[in-house]
């Protein structure tokens, strides 16, 4: 953190769907492993709002770092609540189409795509 302070780096954890919308603009917005939970709780409207608010939060030339969860991981917890089940049944913006949604509908520019590392059998989560 000391180097971050020297480089004028600030970290904020926000729920852009529920918290007051920040006035300031950011160079980078990181969305790691959150899209499934937004989908579960808010459906496609929440995903669209998440991306729109993220776009408004970024400075011109800013970067969105997005790690969407695999569609098959959505099925694991979909029965936890009736809200999750209802939102899952209505999803049209699947994680596999986020890139197309962001670049086509929202006019984001794709800079780079990283492919996930496959975890070895029995090893567990690897990032």
Foldseek 3Di string as FASTA:
>chain_A
DVVCVVVVHDDDDDDCVPDDQDPAADQEDEAAACPLVQLQQPAPVSVVSVLVSNVVRHDVNHYYHYDYDAPVVSVPCQPVDPSSVVRNVPHPCHPVCPVVCCCPVVVDDDDDDDDDDDDDVPPDDDD
